Protein backbone atom coordinates (compact mmCIF):
# COMPACT_ATOMS: atom_id res chain seq x y z
CA MET A 1 28.06 -48.04 -0.42
CA THR A 2 26.65 -47.87 -4.06
CA ALA A 3 26.00 -44.29 -5.80
CA ASN A 4 22.28 -45.03 -5.71
CA GLU A 5 22.29 -46.12 -1.88
CA ASP A 6 24.32 -42.67 -1.14
CA LYS A 7 21.64 -40.82 -2.96
CA GLN A 8 18.71 -42.70 -1.15
CA ILE A 9 20.40 -41.64 2.15
CA LYS A 10 20.61 -37.93 1.10
CA ASP A 11 17.02 -37.87 -0.39
CA LYS A 12 15.89 -39.25 3.10
CA LEU A 13 17.67 -36.71 4.92
CA LEU A 14 16.64 -33.65 2.71
CA ALA A 15 12.99 -34.99 2.90
CA GLU A 16 13.26 -35.06 6.97
CA LEU A 17 14.75 -31.50 6.56
CA ARG A 18 11.80 -30.40 4.44
CA GLU A 19 9.38 -32.07 6.95
CA ARG A 20 10.78 -30.68 10.06
CA ARG A 21 10.92 -26.86 8.32
CA GLU A 22 7.35 -27.45 7.17
CA LYS A 23 6.28 -28.35 10.83
CA VAL A 24 7.82 -25.22 11.98
CA GLU A 25 6.52 -22.95 9.54
CA ALA A 26 3.01 -24.26 10.33
CA MET A 27 3.67 -22.37 13.79
CA GLY A 28 0.93 -23.68 16.02
CA GLY A 29 -1.10 -25.52 13.32
CA ARG A 30 -3.95 -24.65 11.22
CA GLU A 31 -6.72 -24.57 14.05
CA SER A 32 -4.27 -21.86 16.16
CA VAL A 33 -3.72 -19.94 13.11
CA GLY A 34 -7.19 -19.96 12.29
CA LYS A 35 -7.82 -18.39 15.77
CA GLN A 36 -5.29 -15.95 15.18
CA ARG A 37 -7.03 -14.64 12.24
CA LYS A 38 -10.63 -14.71 13.73
CA ARG A 39 -9.00 -12.18 16.22
CA GLY A 40 -8.14 -10.01 13.37
CA LYS A 41 -4.64 -10.51 13.85
CA LEU A 42 -1.69 -11.38 11.38
CA THR A 43 0.75 -14.33 12.34
CA ALA A 44 4.14 -13.84 13.29
CA ARG A 45 5.46 -14.94 10.04
CA GLU A 46 3.09 -12.45 7.84
CA ARG A 47 4.06 -9.51 10.16
CA ILE A 48 7.68 -10.24 9.11
CA GLU A 49 7.00 -10.75 5.58
CA LYS A 50 4.95 -7.10 5.63
CA LEU A 51 7.79 -5.37 7.82
CA LEU A 52 10.77 -6.36 5.48
CA ASP A 53 11.75 -5.93 1.89
CA LYS A 54 10.48 -8.80 -0.01
CA GLY A 55 12.31 -11.98 -0.09
CA THR A 56 15.01 -10.50 2.20
CA PHE A 57 14.04 -12.46 5.55
CA CYS A 58 16.81 -14.91 6.70
CA GLU A 59 15.53 -16.96 9.89
CA ILE A 60 17.94 -17.84 12.61
CA GLY A 61 17.41 -20.45 15.49
CA MET A 62 14.17 -22.09 13.51
CA PHE A 63 14.75 -25.48 15.32
CA GLY A 64 15.10 -23.93 18.80
CA THR A 65 13.09 -26.17 21.24
CA SER A 66 12.09 -25.53 25.11
CA ARG A 67 14.34 -28.10 27.51
CA GLY A 68 11.13 -27.72 29.89
CA THR A 69 9.42 -31.12 30.86
CA ALA A 70 7.62 -30.24 33.97
CA PHE A 71 3.56 -30.18 33.89
CA GLY A 72 3.65 -32.29 30.79
CA MET A 73 5.74 -29.78 28.60
CA ASP A 74 7.74 -32.92 27.61
CA LYS A 75 4.49 -34.05 25.53
CA ILE A 76 3.97 -30.32 23.96
CA GLN A 77 5.90 -29.48 20.66
CA VAL A 78 6.30 -25.69 20.41
CA PRO A 79 7.47 -24.78 16.94
CA ALA A 80 10.51 -22.46 17.07
CA ASP A 81 9.76 -22.25 20.97
CA GLY A 82 7.14 -19.30 19.97
CA VAL A 83 9.14 -16.78 18.62
CA ILE A 84 10.70 -16.29 15.02
CA THR A 85 14.04 -14.60 14.77
CA GLY A 86 16.35 -13.62 12.05
CA TYR A 87 17.38 -10.55 10.07
CA GLY A 88 16.37 -8.86 6.67
CA LYS A 89 16.25 -5.66 4.99
CA ILE A 90 14.24 -2.35 5.34
CA ASP A 91 14.59 -0.10 2.27
CA ASP A 92 17.87 -2.07 1.52
CA ARG A 93 19.27 -1.62 4.97
CA LYS A 94 19.86 -4.40 7.21
CA VAL A 95 17.79 -4.81 10.39
CA TYR A 96 17.52 -7.72 12.88
CA VAL A 97 13.91 -8.87 13.93
CA TYR A 98 12.12 -11.06 16.10
CA ALA A 99 8.38 -11.97 16.19
CA GLN A 100 6.45 -13.79 19.11
CA ASP A 101 4.14 -16.44 17.74
CA PHE A 102 0.82 -16.36 19.62
CA THR A 103 -0.51 -19.60 17.75
CA SER A 104 2.30 -21.53 19.62
CA ILE A 105 1.42 -22.02 23.45
CA GLY A 106 0.44 -18.36 23.30
CA GLY A 107 3.76 -16.97 22.48
CA THR A 108 4.94 -17.64 25.98
CA LEU A 109 8.47 -16.90 26.85
CA SER A 110 10.79 -19.53 28.04
CA GLU A 111 14.38 -20.18 28.53
CA ILE A 112 15.26 -21.07 24.87
CA HIS A 113 12.69 -18.48 23.47
CA ALA A 114 14.52 -15.71 25.36
CA GLN A 115 18.12 -17.12 24.36
CA LYS A 116 16.77 -16.71 20.45
CA ILE A 117 15.69 -13.12 21.25
CA CYS A 118 19.20 -12.40 22.96
CA ASN A 119 21.01 -14.04 20.21
CA ILE A 120 19.70 -11.49 17.76
CA MET A 121 20.20 -8.70 20.14
CA ASP A 122 23.95 -9.36 20.22
CA SER A 123 23.95 -9.70 16.69
CA ALA A 124 22.44 -6.60 16.18
CA ALA A 125 24.46 -4.79 18.55
CA LYS A 126 28.01 -6.25 17.08
CA GLY A 127 26.53 -5.53 13.51
CA GLY A 128 25.62 -1.75 14.38
CA CYS A 129 21.95 -2.75 13.01
CA PRO A 130 18.38 -1.70 14.35
CA ILE A 131 16.49 -4.38 16.13
CA ILE A 132 12.72 -4.72 15.81
CA GLY A 133 10.47 -6.71 18.12
CA ILE A 134 7.22 -7.48 17.43
CA ASN A 135 5.43 -8.63 20.72
CA ASP A 136 2.32 -10.88 20.88
CA SER A 137 2.82 -13.10 23.99
CA GLY A 138 0.88 -14.56 27.19
CA GLY A 139 3.97 -13.54 29.39
CA ALA A 140 6.59 -15.73 30.97
CA ARG A 141 5.79 -19.67 30.46
CA ILE A 142 4.67 -20.82 33.76
CA GLN A 143 5.90 -24.18 33.24
CA ASP A 144 9.60 -23.01 32.90
CA GLY A 145 9.42 -21.37 36.38
CA VAL A 146 12.37 -19.04 37.23
CA ASP A 147 14.14 -19.97 33.96
CA ALA A 148 11.52 -17.96 32.01
CA LEU A 149 12.21 -15.05 34.43
CA ALA A 150 15.85 -15.14 34.10
CA GLY A 151 15.06 -14.90 30.52
CA TYR A 152 13.34 -11.61 30.82
CA GLY A 153 16.50 -10.59 33.02
CA GLN A 154 18.92 -11.25 30.00
CA MET A 155 16.81 -9.40 27.54
CA PHE A 156 16.40 -6.50 29.98
CA PHE A 157 20.16 -6.21 30.44
CA ARG A 158 20.91 -6.38 26.67
CA HIS A 159 18.30 -3.68 25.80
CA THR A 160 20.24 -1.41 28.22
CA LEU A 161 23.44 -2.15 26.83
CA ALA A 162 22.21 -1.40 23.43
CA SER A 163 20.49 1.89 24.44
CA GLY A 164 21.97 4.70 22.45
CA VAL A 165 24.26 2.39 20.28
CA ILE A 166 21.40 0.98 17.82
CA PRO A 167 17.73 1.93 17.27
CA GLN A 168 15.40 -0.21 19.27
CA ILE A 169 11.80 -0.53 18.01
CA CYS A 170 8.78 -2.58 19.46
CA ALA A 171 5.37 -3.24 18.01
CA ILE A 172 3.00 -4.52 20.44
CA LEU A 173 0.48 -6.45 18.39
CA GLY A 174 -1.43 -8.50 21.19
CA PRO A 175 -1.16 -8.76 24.90
CA SER A 176 2.18 -7.54 26.93
CA ALA A 177 1.77 -8.17 30.61
CA GLY A 178 3.44 -8.27 33.91
CA GLY A 179 7.21 -8.29 33.61
CA ALA A 180 6.87 -8.66 29.65
CA VAL A 181 6.10 -5.06 29.59
CA TYR A 182 9.40 -3.79 30.28
CA SER A 183 11.10 -5.24 27.37
CA PRO A 184 9.30 -2.87 25.32
CA ALA A 185 9.50 -0.22 27.64
CA LEU A 186 13.45 -0.27 27.68
CA MET A 187 13.30 0.30 23.82
CA ASP A 188 13.31 3.62 21.94
CA PHE A 189 9.79 3.43 20.34
CA ILE A 190 6.92 1.46 20.95
CA PHE A 191 3.96 1.09 18.36
CA MET A 192 0.49 -0.40 19.16
CA VAL A 193 -2.71 -0.97 17.09
CA LYS A 194 -6.08 -0.12 18.39
CA GLY A 195 -8.33 -2.85 19.27
CA ILE A 196 -5.69 -5.84 19.48
CA SER A 197 -2.90 -4.32 21.66
CA TYR A 198 -2.75 -4.35 25.33
CA ALA A 199 -0.18 -3.22 27.80
CA TYR A 200 -0.18 -3.25 31.48
CA VAL A 201 1.76 -4.43 34.59
CA THR A 202 -1.41 -5.87 36.26
CA GLY A 203 -4.57 -6.70 34.17
CA PRO A 204 -8.43 -6.14 34.67
CA ASN A 205 -8.56 -9.13 36.75
CA VAL A 206 -5.98 -7.96 39.27
CA VAL A 207 -7.23 -4.46 39.27
CA LYS A 208 -10.64 -6.08 40.27
CA ALA A 209 -9.58 -8.43 42.77
CA VAL A 210 -7.23 -5.81 44.63
CA LEU A 211 -9.36 -2.60 44.07
CA GLY A 212 -12.73 -3.77 43.21
CA GLU A 213 -12.63 -1.65 40.09
CA GLU A 214 -14.19 -2.88 37.03
CA ILE A 215 -12.21 -1.88 33.70
CA SER A 216 -11.73 -3.23 30.40
CA HIS A 217 -8.48 -4.46 28.69
CA GLU A 218 -8.70 -1.66 26.29
CA GLU A 219 -9.63 0.98 28.90
CA LEU A 220 -6.61 -0.08 31.10
CA GLY A 221 -4.13 -0.50 28.35
CA GLY A 222 -5.21 -0.29 25.03
CA ALA A 223 -3.39 1.39 22.56
CA ILE A 224 -5.19 4.93 23.20
CA ALA A 225 -4.78 4.70 26.77
CA ALA A 226 -1.25 3.56 26.53
CA GLN A 227 -0.28 6.74 24.83
CA ARG A 228 -2.67 9.41 25.77
CA LYS A 229 -3.02 8.57 29.52
CA ALA A 230 0.51 6.78 30.19
CA GLY A 231 2.61 8.18 27.75
CA VAL A 232 4.22 4.57 26.91
CA VAL A 233 3.26 4.34 23.62
CA CYS A 234 4.64 6.60 20.72
CA ARG A 235 2.15 5.59 18.20
CA SER A 236 -1.32 4.06 18.16
CA GLU A 237 -2.25 2.86 14.65
CA ASN A 238 -5.34 1.73 13.09
CA SER A 239 -4.06 -1.71 11.55
CA GLU A 240 -1.02 -3.97 11.78
CA GLU A 241 -0.38 -3.02 8.26
CA GLU A 242 -0.44 0.90 8.94
CA CYS A 243 2.06 0.06 12.15
CA LEU A 244 4.34 -1.94 10.11
CA GLN A 245 4.52 0.81 7.50
CA SER A 246 5.03 3.57 10.01
CA ILE A 247 8.06 1.57 11.42
CA ARG A 248 9.52 1.44 8.10
CA GLU A 249 8.84 5.33 7.81
CA LEU A 250 10.59 5.97 11.04
CA LEU A 251 13.50 3.99 10.39
CA GLY A 252 14.00 6.45 7.20
CA TYR A 253 14.82 9.26 9.55
CA LEU A 254 17.38 7.21 11.72
CA PRO A 255 20.83 6.02 11.37
CA SER A 256 21.60 2.39 11.67
CA ASN A 257 23.77 3.03 14.62
CA ASN A 258 25.38 5.82 16.82
CA ARG A 259 28.55 5.87 14.65
CA GLU A 260 26.53 6.80 11.60
CA THR A 261 24.55 9.95 10.64
CA PRO A 262 21.15 9.48 9.13
CA LYS A 263 21.06 9.17 5.35
CA ARG A 264 20.36 12.49 3.58
CA VAL A 265 17.45 12.02 1.31
CA ASP A 266 16.38 14.73 -1.30
CA TRP A 267 12.67 15.19 -1.60
CA GLY A 268 13.37 17.80 -4.50
CA ASP A 269 12.15 20.92 -2.32
CA GLU A 270 14.62 23.96 -2.91
CA PRO A 271 16.85 25.03 -0.15
CA THR A 272 16.21 28.69 -1.11
CA ARG A 273 12.31 28.54 -0.85
CA THR A 274 10.65 31.36 0.82
CA GLU A 275 7.41 31.39 2.43
CA ALA A 276 5.67 34.60 2.03
CA THR A 277 2.37 33.61 3.88
CA LEU A 278 4.11 31.73 6.90
CA PHE A 279 3.92 35.12 9.07
CA ASP A 280 0.10 35.14 8.35
CA ILE A 281 -0.17 31.78 10.40
CA VAL A 282 0.93 33.54 13.68
CA PRO A 283 -1.45 36.14 15.32
CA ALA A 284 0.07 39.12 16.49
CA ASN A 285 -1.80 38.73 19.74
CA PRO A 286 0.58 36.88 21.91
CA SER A 287 -2.42 35.06 23.84
CA LYS A 288 -4.22 33.91 20.54
CA PRO A 289 -3.49 30.15 19.47
CA TYR A 290 -2.51 28.95 16.16
CA ASP A 291 -1.57 25.25 14.97
CA MET A 292 2.10 24.95 14.81
CA HIS A 293 1.76 21.77 12.44
CA LYS A 294 1.11 24.39 9.56
CA LEU A 295 4.47 26.17 10.12
CA ILE A 296 6.15 22.78 10.32
CA GLU A 297 4.56 21.83 7.19
CA ARG A 298 5.68 24.91 5.42
CA VAL A 299 9.19 25.14 6.52
CA PHE A 300 10.75 21.79 6.29
CA ASP A 301 11.41 19.83 3.06
CA GLN A 302 7.90 18.86 1.28
CA ARG A 303 7.47 15.70 -0.45
CA GLN A 304 6.93 15.55 -4.13
CA ASP A 305 4.28 12.41 -3.57
CA GLY A 306 2.09 14.82 -1.35
CA LYS A 307 2.48 12.72 1.87
CA LYS A 308 2.87 14.52 5.15
CA ASN A 309 6.44 15.93 5.54
CA TYR A 310 6.96 15.19 9.06
CA PHE A 311 6.99 11.90 11.26
CA GLU A 312 5.22 12.76 14.57
CA ILE A 313 6.43 10.71 18.03
CA PHE A 314 3.43 10.76 20.88
CA PRO A 315 0.92 12.91 18.81
CA ILE A 316 -1.92 12.53 21.33
CA PHE A 317 0.37 12.61 24.74
CA ALA A 318 1.31 15.88 26.12
CA THR A 319 -0.18 17.81 23.20
CA ASN A 320 1.11 21.04 24.10
CA ILE A 321 4.59 20.03 22.67
CA ILE A 322 5.24 18.49 19.39
CA THR A 323 8.23 16.34 18.80
CA CYS A 324 8.67 14.97 15.32
CA PHE A 325 11.15 14.05 12.70
CA ALA A 326 11.38 15.81 9.38
CA ARG A 327 13.91 16.70 6.64
CA LEU A 328 15.51 20.04 6.15
CA ASN A 329 17.56 20.36 2.57
CA GLY A 330 17.54 16.49 2.79
CA TRP A 331 18.96 16.26 6.36
CA SER A 332 17.01 14.24 9.04
CA VAL A 333 16.26 16.62 11.94
CA GLY A 334 14.36 16.29 15.14
CA ILE A 335 11.76 19.10 16.11
CA ILE A 336 10.47 20.25 19.23
CA ALA A 337 7.90 22.84 18.91
CA GLN A 338 5.41 24.44 21.10
CA GLN A 339 1.64 23.71 20.25
CA PRO A 340 -0.21 26.87 21.33
CA MET A 341 -3.61 25.14 20.62
CA SER A 342 -2.84 23.00 23.58
CA LYS A 343 -2.62 24.59 27.37
CA ALA A 344 -1.10 27.88 25.52
CA GLY A 345 1.99 25.71 24.72
CA ALA A 346 2.94 25.96 28.30
CA LEU A 347 5.64 23.15 29.60
CA ASP A 348 4.02 20.81 32.26
CA ILE A 349 5.48 17.67 33.60
CA ASP A 350 4.23 15.45 30.57
CA ALA A 351 5.65 17.85 28.04
CA CYS A 352 9.03 18.06 29.74
CA ASP A 353 9.35 14.26 30.06
CA LYS A 354 8.30 13.81 26.16
CA ALA A 355 10.66 16.49 24.92
CA SER A 356 13.69 15.50 27.18
CA ARG A 357 13.52 11.73 26.11
CA PHE A 358 13.51 12.96 22.43
CA ILE A 359 16.13 15.46 22.98
CA ARG A 360 18.49 12.72 24.20
CA PHE A 361 17.42 10.41 21.44
CA CYS A 362 18.27 12.88 18.93
CA ASP A 363 21.60 13.56 20.49
CA ALA A 364 22.76 9.60 20.70
CA PHE A 365 21.91 8.96 17.02
CA ASN A 366 23.53 12.09 15.81
CA ILE A 367 20.26 13.99 14.58
CA PRO A 368 20.16 17.66 14.83
CA ILE A 369 17.54 19.38 17.02
CA ILE A 370 15.45 22.45 15.82
CA ASN A 371 13.30 24.16 18.25
CA LEU A 372 10.38 26.17 17.49
CA VAL A 373 9.63 28.19 20.47
CA ASP A 374 6.26 30.16 21.62
CA VAL A 375 6.08 29.38 25.18
CA PRO A 376 4.18 31.41 27.78
CA GLY A 377 6.05 29.44 30.99
CA TYR A 378 5.63 26.47 33.02
CA LEU A 379 2.03 25.37 33.77
CA PRO A 380 1.18 26.66 37.07
CA GLY A 381 -0.95 24.85 40.11
CA THR A 382 -0.63 22.56 42.83
CA GLU A 383 -0.89 19.42 40.48
CA GLN A 384 2.15 20.58 38.74
CA GLU A 385 4.15 21.59 41.87
CA TRP A 386 3.37 18.54 43.87
CA GLY A 387 3.99 16.38 40.68
CA GLY A 388 7.34 17.52 40.71
CA ILE A 389 7.51 20.04 38.00
CA ILE A 390 10.91 21.40 39.03
CA ARG A 391 12.68 17.72 38.55
CA HIS A 392 10.59 17.33 35.46
CA GLY A 393 11.59 20.41 34.12
CA ALA A 394 15.23 20.18 35.15
CA LYS A 395 15.44 17.09 32.62
CA MET A 396 14.87 19.23 29.49
CA LEU A 397 17.72 21.57 30.80
CA PHE A 398 19.86 18.54 31.49
CA ALA A 399 19.02 16.77 28.02
CA TYR A 400 19.71 20.01 25.99
CA SER A 401 22.95 21.01 28.01
CA GLU A 402 24.12 17.33 27.46
CA ALA A 403 23.60 17.42 23.79
CA THR A 404 26.31 17.96 21.47
CA VAL A 405 24.26 17.53 18.05
CA PRO A 406 23.61 20.87 16.11
CA LYS A 407 20.93 22.74 18.10
CA ILE A 408 19.13 25.68 16.56
CA THR A 409 16.37 27.44 18.21
CA LEU A 410 13.80 30.01 16.43
CA THR A 411 11.39 31.82 18.76
CA ILE A 412 8.17 32.55 16.76
CA ARG A 413 6.43 34.86 19.26
CA LYS A 414 7.32 34.67 23.04
CA ALA A 415 9.46 32.98 25.57
CA TYR A 416 9.31 34.00 29.13
CA GLY A 417 11.05 33.32 32.11
CA GLY A 418 12.37 29.61 32.98
CA ALA A 419 10.45 28.26 30.05
CA TYR A 420 12.86 30.74 27.82
CA LEU A 421 15.77 28.77 29.37
CA GLY A 422 13.85 25.48 28.93
CA MET A 423 13.50 25.65 25.23
CA CYS A 424 17.38 25.46 24.41
CA CYS A 425 18.68 29.34 24.61
CA LYS A 426 22.17 30.27 24.05
CA GLY A 427 23.13 29.65 27.67
CA LEU A 428 21.99 25.81 27.20
CA GLY A 429 24.48 25.52 24.10
CA ALA A 430 22.15 26.67 21.15
CA ASP A 431 24.55 26.80 18.22
CA THR A 432 22.15 29.46 16.52
CA VAL A 433 19.19 31.41 17.77
CA PHE A 434 16.83 33.13 15.58
CA CYS A 435 13.95 35.29 16.04
CA TRP A 436 10.81 36.71 14.42
CA PRO A 437 9.85 40.32 14.94
CA THR A 438 7.05 39.15 16.86
CA THR A 439 9.22 37.71 19.57
CA GLU A 440 8.76 38.90 23.27
CA LEU A 441 11.78 37.68 25.45
CA ALA A 442 11.56 38.58 29.09
CA VAL A 443 11.47 37.04 32.64
CA MET A 444 7.83 37.20 32.54
CA GLY A 445 4.89 38.70 30.22
CA PRO A 446 4.55 42.43 30.03
CA GLU A 447 1.12 42.52 31.95
CA GLY A 448 2.47 40.62 34.89
CA ALA A 449 5.96 42.40 34.69
CA ALA A 450 4.36 45.85 34.57
CA ALA A 451 2.07 45.06 37.49
CA ILE A 452 5.20 44.21 39.71
CA ILE A 453 7.71 46.72 38.62
CA PHE A 454 5.51 49.90 38.89
CA ARG A 455 3.13 48.35 41.89
CA LYS A 456 3.83 51.60 44.10
CA GLU A 457 3.02 53.82 41.42
CA LEU A 458 -0.17 52.34 40.56
CA GLU A 459 -1.31 51.99 44.17
CA LYS A 460 -1.06 55.93 44.20
CA ALA A 461 -2.46 56.51 40.64
CA ASP A 462 -5.94 58.10 40.20
CA ASP A 463 -6.74 55.64 37.23
CA PRO A 464 -4.59 52.71 38.03
CA ASP A 465 -5.88 50.96 35.20
CA LYS A 466 -4.98 53.44 32.73
CA LEU A 467 -1.63 53.84 34.25
CA LEU A 468 -1.21 49.95 34.03
CA GLN A 469 -1.83 49.82 30.34
CA GLU A 470 0.63 52.78 29.58
CA LYS A 471 3.54 50.90 31.94
CA ILE A 472 2.48 47.58 29.93
CA LYS A 473 3.41 49.51 26.53
CA GLU A 474 6.62 50.87 27.98
CA PHE A 475 7.65 47.61 29.06
CA ARG A 476 6.82 46.05 25.93
CA SER A 477 8.75 48.40 24.06
CA ILE A 478 11.84 48.11 25.86
CA PHE A 479 11.99 44.41 27.00
CA ALA A 480 9.17 42.50 25.27
CA ASN A 481 11.01 42.45 21.65
CA PRO A 482 14.11 40.39 20.32
CA TYR A 483 16.07 43.50 19.67
CA ARG A 484 17.33 44.09 23.52
CA ALA A 485 18.40 40.16 23.34
CA ALA A 486 20.15 40.46 20.04
CA GLU A 487 22.22 43.69 21.13
CA HIS A 488 23.46 41.61 23.90
CA LEU A 489 24.02 38.50 22.03
CA HIS A 490 21.47 36.37 23.47
CA VAL A 491 19.96 36.19 19.80
CA ASP A 492 22.14 35.82 16.57
CA ASP A 493 19.44 37.34 14.22
CA VAL A 494 16.31 38.53 13.92
CA ILE A 495 14.80 37.26 10.39
CA ASP A 496 11.75 37.93 8.22
CA PRO A 497 9.43 35.07 8.63
CA ALA A 498 9.57 34.46 4.89
CA GLU A 499 13.09 33.69 4.92
CA THR A 500 12.78 31.11 7.79
CA ARG A 501 13.49 28.09 5.60
CA PRO A 502 16.83 29.12 3.91
CA ARG A 503 18.15 30.70 7.40
CA LEU A 504 17.59 27.26 9.31
CA ILE A 505 19.17 25.42 6.45
CA LYS A 506 22.09 27.86 6.33
CA ALA A 507 22.47 27.54 10.16
CA LEU A 508 22.18 23.92 10.37
CA GLU A 509 24.78 23.24 7.45
CA MET A 510 27.09 25.53 9.36
CA ALA A 511 26.94 23.37 12.32
CA ILE A 512 26.65 20.01 11.04
CA ASP A 513 30.10 18.94 11.04
CA LYS A 514 30.74 20.57 14.69
CA THR A 515 32.54 18.74 17.49
CA GLU A 516 32.37 19.38 21.21
CA GLN A 517 34.22 18.15 23.87
CA ARG A 518 32.70 17.40 27.36
CA PRO A 519 34.23 16.44 30.76
CA LYS A 520 35.37 12.76 30.96
CA LYS A 521 32.84 10.96 33.22
CA LYS A 522 31.33 7.48 33.50
CA HIS A 523 27.59 9.29 33.12
CA GLY A 524 25.66 12.11 34.21
CA ILE A 525 22.87 11.86 36.77
CA ILE A 526 19.64 13.00 35.16
CA PRO A 527 16.94 14.50 37.41
CA THR A 528 14.41 11.87 37.95
């Protein structure tokens, strides 16, 4: 063979490679891509480009093809089998990613489609890297039959094995229905976009057929409903670009895996900074509301670029409790805080579920927990009792007790009864407990306690209302303050609110390298 013949053969092979790549990169073709854009949606490849650092994506499994031949599938070409998989970088950290391609037979999941995702998940787990899934799919490919269902099963198994090992994040940027919703549900955080994202087990047509109820896709499982009503989605964003940017921001607070700690980032805020106006935010009246976000904004590291200094999870679900990530002298921390603006900050079923899952995530990934407490108790009523507030509330007790990361509790104004325990007291393993001078710590509020303790005296009194007010004042002076608890070492210190930031920093850095040994066991049995 001559050198010229050798070159011709190689040129032909390279031309074939380029042609095959171009066909795959064209996804479902110009018409299908056009339809995707008319829906106001990005393509799978555009999403990956916007998510990752520019030029870092390396595709794996580009030429994967379905082996299905039933019902005409032998005559259909599905580029990349409807899913793009690979790895790249976010802020120079390696991540693995897969994006379902709705332009290619609706992004439906087949045996090979699922295998591509499983391969990426395996690589992410072995490499100790986060995995990000971008879901936009019509569900299981019917023509693949049980092979498609088996593919979902293999994915679910891997999500479970990776849980608590590497961060798993999902963006639902299209439909996600039936069994397909359980892949995102097994991941750590789900993002959706208003107007284009839908997630439900049974869609509007099934609801109408079975129950005779008319409901739209948006009302049933849109981005707002899936967060505010269902508590499934951690963030509902306004656009795909905003969604992908939020995922990048979230990753900045997380480590790559459970063997690492989150990267410490200096935003330029002084650790010794005090805040003289902090006390002004909180009314002395324990029944008067205020916005806890204002405390978070002033206490935790402030950004020099003027952006919000915390990243909230589930901002419109169970709004009586706040769960967010922030930084304290550069350290990534998880914050759990009452929100007196909603249900007076009382703990209810949804708040307990929201908090307990967040606690367990932080503990799994070595993120210290800061608790900002102003809790009147558990929300009363038949709806809560019959809904299982006992078992849901027990989840928080379990999660706090199980957690071995640094746990710091600051009571701002009040903590009564079981809710005092539920917000991580010393007895549940808090490393440091602070109180402001406004704090009331008691089995119940002074009004209720005085009415019970002094019931007989009140019954005999000539002026029971006047006596009750005197007894309330007496109870408050003895019990409803932080000093009795501090005397008995349930509180480490009562601090000047202006000193909150530096005191929290010192407490965090005291506990940052602590270790705790727990009884050897396969796993605990968390209340359901």
